[in-house]
C-alpha atoms as a PDB file:
ATOM      1  CA  MET A   1     106.824 117.679 110.005  1.00  0.00           C
ATOM      2  CA  ASN A   2     104.526 116.318 112.718  1.00  0.00           C
ATOM      3  CA  LEU A   3     103.417 118.266 115.795  1.00  0.00           C
ATOM      4  CA  VAL A   4     106.004 116.717 118.125  1.00  0.00           C
ATOM      5  CA  ASP A   5     108.881 117.547 115.754  1.00  0.00           C
ATOM      6  CA  ALA A   6     107.529 121.058 115.306  1.00  0.00           C
ATOM      7  CA  ILE A   7     107.428 121.660 119.075  1.00  0.00           C
ATOM      8  CA  LYS A   8     110.945 120.264 119.522  1.00  0.00           C
ATOM      9  CA  SER A   9     112.295 122.499 116.779  1.00  0.00           C
ATOM     10  CA  VAL A  10     110.996 125.597 118.575  1.00  0.00           C
ATOM     11  CA  PHE A  11     112.929 124.786 121.740  1.00  0.00           C
ATOM     12  CA  ARG A  12     116.195 123.651 120.136  1.00  0.00           C
ATOM     13  CA  LYS A  13     118.982 126.074 120.869  1.00  0.00           C
ATOM     14  CA  LYS A  14     121.092 127.443 118.063  1.00  0.00           C
ATOM     15  CA  ILE A  15     124.746 126.415 118.018  1.00  0.00           C
ATOM     16  CA  LYS A  16     127.885 128.159 116.803  1.00  0.00           C
ATOM     17  CA  THR A  17     130.095 127.063 113.924  1.00  0.00           C
ATOM     18  CA  ASP A  18     133.052 126.797 116.306  1.00  0.00           C
ATOM     19  CA  ASP A  19     131.135 124.156 118.286  1.00  0.00           C
ATOM     20  CA  LEU A  20     131.753 121.783 115.373  1.00  0.00           C
ATOM     21  CA  LEU A  21     135.534 122.115 115.402  1.00  0.00           C
ATOM     22  CA  VAL A  22     136.007 119.334 117.942  1.00  0.00           C
ATOM     23  CA  ALA A  23     134.622 116.797 115.428  1.00  0.00           C
ATOM     24  CA  PHE A  24     136.736 118.003 112.505  1.00  0.00           C
ATOM     25  CA  ASP A  25     139.878 118.350 114.619  1.00  0.00           C
ATOM     26  CA  TRP A  26     139.496 114.877 116.099  1.00  0.00           C
ATOM     27  CA  VAL A  27     139.004 113.115 112.779  1.00  0.00           C
ATOM     28  CA  THR A  28     141.884 114.963 111.087  1.00  0.00           C
ATOM     29  CA  LYS A  29     144.252 115.111 114.086  1.00  0.00           C
ATOM     30  CA  ASP A  30     146.926 112.926 112.471  1.00  0.00           C
ATOM     31  CA  VAL A  31     147.139 114.772 109.144  1.00  0.00           C
ATOM     32  CA  PRO A  32     148.626 118.207 108.317  1.00  0.00           C
ATOM     33  CA  MET A  33     145.318 119.712 107.249  1.00  0.00           C
ATOM     34  CA  LEU A  34     144.374 123.385 107.077  1.00  0.00           C
ATOM     35  CA  TYR A  35     140.674 124.172 106.811  1.00  0.00           C
ATOM     36  CA  ASP A  36     137.885 126.475 107.828  1.00  0.00           C
ATOM     37  CA  LEU A  37     134.138 126.143 108.284  1.00  0.00           C
ATOM     38  CA  SER A  38     131.301 128.367 107.210  1.00  0.00           C
ATOM     39  CA  VAL A  39     127.560 127.858 107.489  1.00  0.00           C
ATOM     40  CA  THR A  40     124.706 128.980 105.273  1.00  0.00           C
ATOM     41  CA  THR A  41     121.116 128.053 104.486  1.00  0.00           C
ATOM     42  CA  PRO A  42     119.579 126.178 101.532  1.00  0.00           C
ATOM     43  CA  PRO A  43     119.116 128.438  98.478  1.00  0.00           C
ATOM     44  CA  ASP A  44     115.855 128.528  96.555  1.00  0.00           C
ATOM     45  CA  ASN A  45     117.528 127.090  93.440  1.00  0.00           C
ATOM     46  CA  LEU A  46     120.013 124.260  93.887  1.00  0.00           C
ATOM     47  CA  ALA A  47     122.814 124.104  91.331  1.00  0.00           C
ATOM     48  CA  LYS A  48     123.572 120.477  90.539  1.00  0.00           C
ATOM     49  CA  GLN A  49     126.897 119.063  89.455  1.00  0.00           C
ATOM     50  CA  ARG A  50     127.192 118.801  85.694  1.00  0.00           C
ATOM     51  CA  THR A  51     126.236 115.256  84.843  1.00  0.00           C
ATOM     52  CA  GLN A  52     128.508 113.030  82.776  1.00  0.00           C
ATOM     53  CA  THR A  53     126.541 110.716  80.515  1.00  0.00           C
ATOM     54  CA  ASP A  54     129.793 108.963  79.721  1.00  0.00           C
ATOM     55  CA  PRO A  55     132.071 109.437  82.753  1.00  0.00           C
ATOM     56  CA  PHE A  56     135.199 109.977  80.656  1.00  0.00           C
ATOM     57  CA  LYS A  57     134.083 111.544  77.428  1.00  0.00           C
ATOM     58  CA  TYR A  58     130.747 113.282  77.069  1.00  0.00           C
ATOM     59  CA  GLY A  59     128.804 115.605  79.321  1.00  0.00           C
ATOM     60  CA  SER A  60     125.535 117.462  79.433  1.00  0.00           C
ATOM     61  CA  PRO A  61     125.171 120.897  80.999  1.00  0.00           C
ATOM     62  CA  ASP A  62     122.418 119.851  83.423  1.00  0.00           C
ATOM     63  CA  THR A  63     123.137 122.562  85.969  1.00  0.00           C
ATOM     64  CA  PHE A  64     120.044 124.099  87.510  1.00  0.00           C
ATOM     65  CA  GLY A  65     117.816 121.038  87.821  1.00  0.00           C
ATOM     66  CA  GLN A  66     114.651 121.569  89.807  1.00  0.00           C
ATOM     67  CA  ASP A  67     114.186 117.838  90.379  1.00  0.00           C
ATOM     68  CA  PHE A  68     116.588 117.721  93.321  1.00  0.00           C
ATOM     69  CA  LYS A  69     115.076 118.934  96.578  1.00  0.00           C
ATOM     70  CA  LEU A  70     116.533 119.012 100.041  1.00  0.00           C
ATOM     71  CA  ASP A  71     114.512 117.550 102.894  1.00  0.00           C
ATOM     72  CA  GLU A  72     112.339 120.303 104.381  1.00  0.00           C
ATOM     73  CA  ARG A  73     113.960 119.640 107.751  1.00  0.00           C
ATOM     74  CA  CYS A  74     117.334 120.816 106.388  1.00  0.00           C
ATOM     75  CA  LYS A  75     117.953 124.233 107.918  1.00  0.00           C
ATOM     76  CA  SER A  76     121.700 124.677 107.390  1.00  0.00           C
ATOM     77  CA  ILE A  77     124.581 123.626 105.174  1.00  0.00           C
ATOM     78  CA  ILE A  78     128.028 123.382 106.766  1.00  0.00           C
ATOM     79  CA  VAL A  79     130.746 124.229 104.232  1.00  0.00           C
ATOM     80  CA  TRP A  80     134.098 122.537 104.886  1.00  0.00           C
ATOM     81  CA  ASN A  81     136.843 124.359 102.970  1.00  0.00           C
ATOM     82  CA  VAL A  82     140.139 122.424 102.936  1.00  0.00           C
ATOM     83  CA  PHE A  83     143.375 123.926 101.606  1.00  0.00           C
ATOM     84  CA  SER A  84     144.897 121.631  98.971  1.00  0.00           C
ATOM     85  CA  THR A  85     147.315 122.029  96.086  1.00  0.00           C
ATOM     86  CA  VAL A  86     146.513 118.645  94.533  1.00  0.00           C
ATOM     87  CA  ALA A  87     143.451 116.834  93.197  1.00  0.00           C
ATOM     88  CA  PHE A  88     142.311 115.057  96.315  1.00  0.00           C
ATOM     89  CA  ASP A  89     138.556 115.544  96.575  1.00  0.00           C
ATOM     90  CA  TYR A  90     137.519 111.953  97.072  1.00  0.00           C
ATOM     91  CA  THR A  91     139.825 111.315 100.012  1.00  0.00           C
ATOM     92  CA  TYR A  92     138.094 114.078 101.947  1.00  0.00           C
ATOM     93  CA  LYS A  93     134.729 112.726 100.818  1.00  0.00           C
ATOM     94  CA  ASN A  94     135.349 109.016 101.403  1.00  0.00           C
ATOM     95  CA  THR A  95     137.862 108.948 104.260  1.00  0.00           C
ATOM     96  CA  PHE A  96     137.199 111.910 106.515  1.00  0.00           C
ATOM     97  CA  LEU A  97     133.639 113.113 105.950  1.00  0.00           C
ATOM     98  CA  PRO A  98     131.809 109.897 107.012  1.00  0.00           C
ATOM     99  CA  LYS A  99     133.745 109.889 110.298  1.00  0.00           C
ATOM    100  CA  ILE A 100     132.992 113.556 110.910  1.00  0.00           C
ATOM    101  CA  ILE A 101     129.280 113.033 110.243  1.00  0.00           C
ATOM    102  CA  THR A 102     129.213 110.012 112.563  1.00  0.00           C
ATOM    103  CA  TYR A 103     130.917 112.028 115.296  1.00  0.00           C
ATOM    104  CA  LEU A 104     128.440 114.914 114.930  1.00  0.00           C
ATOM    105  CA  ASN A 105     125.422 112.608 114.923  1.00  0.00           C
ATOM    106  CA  GLN A 106     126.614 110.945 118.121  1.00  0.00           C
ATOM    107  CA  LYS A 107     127.454 114.252 119.803  1.00  0.00           C
ATOM    108  CA  TYR A 108     124.169 115.996 118.995  1.00  0.00           C
ATOM    109  CA  SER A 109     121.634 113.157 118.850  1.00  0.00           C
ATOM    110  CA  ASN A 110     120.242 113.947 122.297  1.00  0.00           C
ATOM    111  CA  GLU A 111     119.542 117.501 121.176  1.00  0.00           C
ATOM    112  CA  GLY A 112     117.549 116.301 118.174  1.00  0.00           C
ATOM    113  CA  TYR A 113     120.102 117.309 115.563  1.00  0.00           C
ATOM    114  CA  PHE A 114     121.113 115.075 112.681  1.00  0.00           C
ATOM    115  CA  PHE A 115     123.714 115.455 109.945  1.00  0.00           C
ATOM    116  CA  GLY A 116     123.889 114.043 106.426  1.00  0.00           C
ATOM    117  CA  TYR A 117     125.493 114.261 103.010  1.00  0.00           C
ATOM    118  CA  ASP A 118     124.449 114.654  99.363  1.00  0.00           C
ATOM    119  CA  ASP A 119     127.154 112.411  97.850  1.00  0.00           C
ATOM    120  CA  TYR A 120     128.367 115.082  95.406  1.00  0.00           C
ATOM    121  CA  THR A 121     124.977 115.666  93.812  1.00  0.00           C
ATOM    122  CA  LEU A 122     125.167 119.429  94.260  1.00  0.00           C
ATOM    123  CA  ASN A 123     127.694 121.907  92.942  1.00  0.00           C
ATOM    124  CA  ARG A 124     129.927 122.837  95.871  1.00  0.00           C
ATOM    125  CA  LYS A 125     130.901 126.374  94.919  1.00  0.00           C
ATOM    126  CA  GLN A 126     127.360 127.744  95.300  1.00  0.00           C
ATOM    127  CA  PHE A 127     127.572 127.097  99.030  1.00  0.00           C
ATOM    128  CA  ALA A 128     131.111 128.411  99.478  1.00  0.00           C
ATOM    129  CA  ILE A 129     129.962 131.680  97.884  1.00  0.00           C
ATOM    130  CA  ARG A 130     126.598 131.794  99.666  1.00  0.00           C
ATOM    131  CA  SER A 131     128.302 131.263 103.044  1.00  0.00           C
ATOM    132  CA  GLY A 132     130.635 134.217 102.493  1.00  0.00           C
ATOM    133  CA  ALA A 133     133.780 132.065 102.404  1.00  0.00           C
ATOM    134  CA  ALA A 134     134.438 132.736  98.710  1.00  0.00           C
ATOM    135  CA  THR A 135     133.642 134.878  95.697  1.00  0.00           C
ATOM    136  CA  LEU A 136     133.383 133.895  92.034  1.00  0.00           C
ATOM    137  CA  ALA A 137     136.651 133.967  90.069  1.00  0.00           C
ATOM    138  CA  LYS A 138     137.029 134.454  86.307  1.00  0.00           C
ATOM    139  CA  PRO A 139     137.500 130.709  85.507  1.00  0.00           C
ATOM    140  CA  SER A 140     134.186 130.022  87.259  1.00  0.00           C
ATOM    141  CA  LEU A 141     135.917 128.738  90.387  1.00  0.00           C
ATOM    142  CA  ALA A 142     135.175 129.853  93.927  1.00  0.00           C
ATOM    143  CA  PHE A 143     138.024 132.036  95.208  1.00  0.00           C
ATOM    144  CA  HIS A 144     138.369 131.428  98.940  1.00  0.00           C
ATOM    145  CA  LYS A 145     139.333 134.461 101.015  1.00  0.00           C
ATOM    146  CA  LYS A 146     142.173 132.528 102.732  1.00  0.00           C
ATOM    147  CA  PHE A 147     143.081 129.767 100.264  1.00  0.00           C
ATOM    148  CA  GLY A 148     142.492 131.330  96.860  1.00  0.00           C
ATOM    149  CA  MET A 149     141.608 128.615  94.338  1.00  0.00           C
ATOM    150  CA  ASN A 150     143.742 125.947  96.011  1.00  0.00           C
ATOM    151  CA  TYR A 151     141.161 124.214  98.145  1.00  0.00           C
ATOM    152  CA  LYS A 152     138.427 121.599  98.167  1.00  0.00           C
ATOM    153  CA  ILE A 153     134.829 122.065  99.256  1.00  0.00           C
ATOM    154  CA  ASP A 154     132.681 119.543 101.056  1.00  0.00           C
ATOM    155  CA  LEU A 155     129.217 119.877 102.533  1.00  0.00           C
ATOM    156  CA  ILE A 156     127.248 118.597 105.501  1.00  0.00           C
ATOM    157  CA  PHE A 157     123.484 119.090 105.687  1.00  0.00           C
ATOM    158  CA  THR A 158     121.720 119.407 109.033  1.00  0.00           C
ATOM    159  CA  ASN A 159     118.498 120.405 110.765  1.00  0.00           C
ATOM    160  CA  ALA A 160     120.563 122.420 113.264  1.00  0.00           C
ATOM    161  CA  GLU A 161     120.410 126.207 113.142  1.00  0.00           C
ATOM    162  CA  PHE A 162     123.438 128.399 113.837  1.00  0.00           C
ATOM    163  CA  LYS A 163     123.981 131.723 115.557  1.00  0.00           C
ATOM    164  CA  ASP A 164     126.552 132.780 112.959  1.00  0.00           C
ATOM    165  CA  THR A 165     124.891 131.684 109.703  1.00  0.00           C
ATOM    166  CA  VAL A 166     125.870 133.781 106.662  1.00  0.00           C
ATOM    167  CA  VAL A 167     123.644 134.169 103.602  1.00  0.00           C
ATOM    168  CA  ILE A 168     125.000 135.967 100.522  1.00  0.00           C
ATOM    169  CA  LYS A 169     122.120 136.003  98.081  1.00  0.00           C
ATOM    170  CA  ASP A 170     123.894 137.333  95.000  1.00  0.00           C
ATOM    171  CA  THR A 171     127.113 136.018  93.406  1.00  0.00           C
ATOM    172  CA  PRO A 172     129.890 138.526  94.157  1.00  0.00           C
ATOM    173  CA  ARG A 173     132.904 138.410  91.851  1.00  0.00           C
ATOM    174  CA  TYR A 174     136.471 138.271  93.076  1.00  0.00           C
ATOM    175  CA  ASN A 175     137.629 141.876  92.849  1.00  0.00           C
ATOM    176  CA  ASN A 176     141.128 141.206  91.510  1.00  0.00           C
ATOM    177  CA  CYS A 177     139.690 139.350  88.517  1.00  0.00           C
ATOM    178  CA  ILE A 178     138.038 142.517  87.275  1.00  0.00           C
ATOM    179  CA  GLY A 179     140.504 144.151  84.894  1.00  0.00           C
ATOM    180  CA  CYS A 180     143.022 141.300  85.209  1.00  0.00           C
ATOM    181  CA  ASP A 181     144.746 140.193  81.980  1.00  0.00           C
ATOM    182  CA  ALA A 182     143.514 136.671  82.810  1.00  0.00           C
ATOM    183  CA  PRO A 183     146.537 134.342  82.669  1.00  0.00           C
ATOM    184  CA  CYS A 184     144.066 131.639  83.744  1.00  0.00           C
ATOM    185  CA  GLU A 185     142.520 131.947  80.284  1.00  0.00           C
ATOM    186  CA  SER A 186     145.588 132.665  78.147  1.00  0.00           C
ATOM    187  CA  LYS A 187     147.524 129.700  79.596  1.00  0.00           C
ATOM    188  CA  CYS A 188     144.686 127.191  79.266  1.00  0.00           C
ATOM    189  CA  PRO A 189     145.874 124.293  77.028  1.00  0.00           C
ATOM    190  CA  MET A 190     142.340 123.920  75.667  1.00  0.00           C
ATOM    191  CA  SER A 191     141.862 127.662  75.000  1.00  0.00           C
ATOM    192  CA  CYS A 192     138.759 127.718  77.151  1.00  0.00           C
ATOM    193  CA  LYS A 193     136.917 131.019  77.301  1.00  0.00           C
ATOM    194  CA  MET A 194     136.537 132.237  80.873  1.00  0.00           C
ATOM    195  CA  ASP A 195     134.328 135.142  81.861  1.00  0.00           C
ATOM    196  CA  PHE A 196     133.134 134.262  85.381  1.00  0.00           C
ATOM    197  CA  ASP A 197     131.556 131.269  83.706  1.00  0.00           C
ATOM    198  CA  LEU A 198     133.482 128.410  82.148  1.00  0.00           C
ATOM    199  CA  VAL A 199     131.842 128.865  78.762  1.00  0.00           C
ATOM    200  CA  ASP A 200     133.764 125.982  77.198  1.00  0.00           C
ATOM    201  CA  TRP A 201     133.332 123.667  80.153  1.00  0.00           C
ATOM    202  CA  GLU A 202     133.057 120.586  77.919  1.00  0.00           C
ATOM    203  CA  LYS A 203     136.542 121.261  76.494  1.00  0.00           C
ATOM    204  CA  CYS A 204     137.879 121.411  80.044  1.00  0.00           C
ATOM    205  CA  SER A 205     135.952 118.352  81.193  1.00  0.00           C
ATOM    206  CA  ASN A 206     136.939 116.200  78.237  1.00  0.00           C
ATOM    207  CA  PHE A 207     140.588 117.171  78.785  1.00  0.00           C
ATOM    208  CA  VAL A 208     140.649 116.513  82.524  1.00  0.00           C
ATOM    209  CA  ASP A 209     138.141 113.704  83.074  1.00  0.00           C
ATOM    210  CA  THR A 210     139.929 110.900  81.256  1.00  0.00           C
ATOM    211  CA  PRO A 211     141.127 107.519  82.524  1.00  0.00           C
ATOM    212  CA  LYS A 212     144.720 108.502  81.764  1.00  0.00           C
ATOM    213  CA  ALA A 213     144.494 111.636  83.892  1.00  0.00           C
ATOM    214  CA  PHE A 214     143.270 109.652  86.874  1.00  0.00           C
ATOM    215  CA  GLU A 215     146.256 107.315  86.710  1.00  0.00           C
ATOM    216  CA  ASP A 216     148.326 110.117  88.252  1.00  0.00           C
ATOM    217  CA  LEU A 217     146.159 112.454  90.316  1.00  0.00           C
ATOM    218  CA  ASP A 218     149.003 114.874  90.961  1.00  0.00           C
ATOM    219  CA  SER A 219     149.291 115.529  87.230  1.00  0.00           C
ATOM    220  CA  ILE A 220     145.646 116.504  86.708  1.00  0.00           C
ATOM    221  CA  CYS A 221     145.464 119.888  85.018  1.00  0.00           C
ATOM    222  CA  ARG A 222     145.349 122.814  87.448  1.00  0.00           C
ATOM    223  CA  ILE A 223     146.799 125.436  85.104  1.00  0.00           C
ATOM    224  CA  CYS A 224     144.010 127.991  85.556  1.00  0.00           C
ATOM    225  CA  GLN A 225     144.440 127.791  89.326  1.00  0.00           C
ATOM    226  CA  GLU A 226     148.217 127.911  89.296  1.00  0.00           C
ATOM    227  CA  ALA A 227     148.277 130.755  86.759  1.00  0.00           C
ATOM    228  CA  CYS A 228     146.404 133.062  89.110  1.00  0.00           C
ATOM    229  CA  PRO A 229     148.960 135.336  90.846  1.00  0.00           C
ATOM    230  CA  TYR A 230     146.569 136.220  93.663  1.00  0.00           C
ATOM    231  CA  SER A 231     145.762 132.607  94.471  1.00  0.00           C
ATOM    232  CA  GLU A 232     149.398 131.571  94.302  1.00  0.00           C
ATOM    233  CA  GLU A 233     150.435 134.390  96.664  1.00  0.00           C
ATOM    234  CA  LEU A 234     148.011 133.064  99.282  1.00  0.00           C
ATOM    235  CA  THR A 235     149.421 129.565  98.743  1.00  0.00           C
ATOM    236  CA  ARG A 236     152.989 130.798  99.252  1.00  0.00           C
ATOM    237  CA  GLN A 237     151.978 132.444 102.506  1.00  0.00           C
ATOM    238  CA  ILE A 238     150.417 129.230 103.777  1.00  0.00           C
ATOM    239  CA  LEU A 239     153.308 126.986 102.721  1.00  0.00           C
ATOM    240  CA  ASN A 240     155.813 129.350 104.325  1.00  0.00           C
ATOM    241  CA  ILE A 241     154.082 128.611 107.615  1.00  0.00           C
ATOM    242  CA  ASN A 242     153.855 124.847 107.097  1.00  0.00           C
ATOM    243  CA  PRO A 243     155.133 123.272 103.847  1.00  0.00           C
ATOM    244  CA  ASN A 244     153.225 120.070 104.616  1.00  0.00           C
ATOM    245  CA  TYR A 245     149.808 121.676 104.256  1.00  0.00           C
ATOM    246  CA  GLY A 246     147.955 121.080 101.045  1.00  0.00           C
ATOM    247  CA  GLY A 247     149.826 118.074  99.707  1.00  0.00           C
ATOM    248  CA  ARG A 248     148.772 114.492  99.297  1.00  0.00           C
ATOM    249  CA  ILE A 249     147.639 113.069 102.619  1.00  0.00           C
ATOM    250  CA  ALA A 250     148.719 109.589 103.666  1.00  0.00           C
ATOM    251  CA  VAL A 251     145.721 107.792 105.134  1.00  0.00           C
END
């Protein structure tokens, strides 16, 4: 960082998470979307997505790679948690997120803020948990306090700092998982072992990440999510309010 950038950073005012809602609401105004935002800071160790050497068959557990570094100017990570009962990650990523980032960059450019994206390089759940929006569930999924396990996580990286940033430095476990008889595990068609870490993640990946599965996204396995009584109760509450939330979005 040069001297001019350093001086500017001192005088930039912090913003609130709610200040961002106008961008998200505008981009998603024509779709029945339910979401929330949380903001945290970059952790010391960045958990990467597990890499797939062959995108439909083999994987390697390359999780905590130290070769990926965020730009030193990145001060905050905005966590966009979207309620969804179907596999729909890439529509949020490819359709909505670029428009939201463009909106934010235009809105805040005069204040010296910029916003960017990692293109799914990093594991999303670490930020949902670090921002206080979620805790770790038994099948190694992030259990959102409002949406359970039926939601998608996306990230926006920025040099902006926030008044209401949350930083949870440990990895709290979802309380109801402790002592649960774990239907998420017993109903798994691949008999994956789940103990707050998807021990048999390759079994799961090789079952889900196949060309055939992606021919019908609504049929992609979600048994561990749907078997959770606590997550499903939250889903029922949401769908009782608006049955259109969480389904496949026409864009």
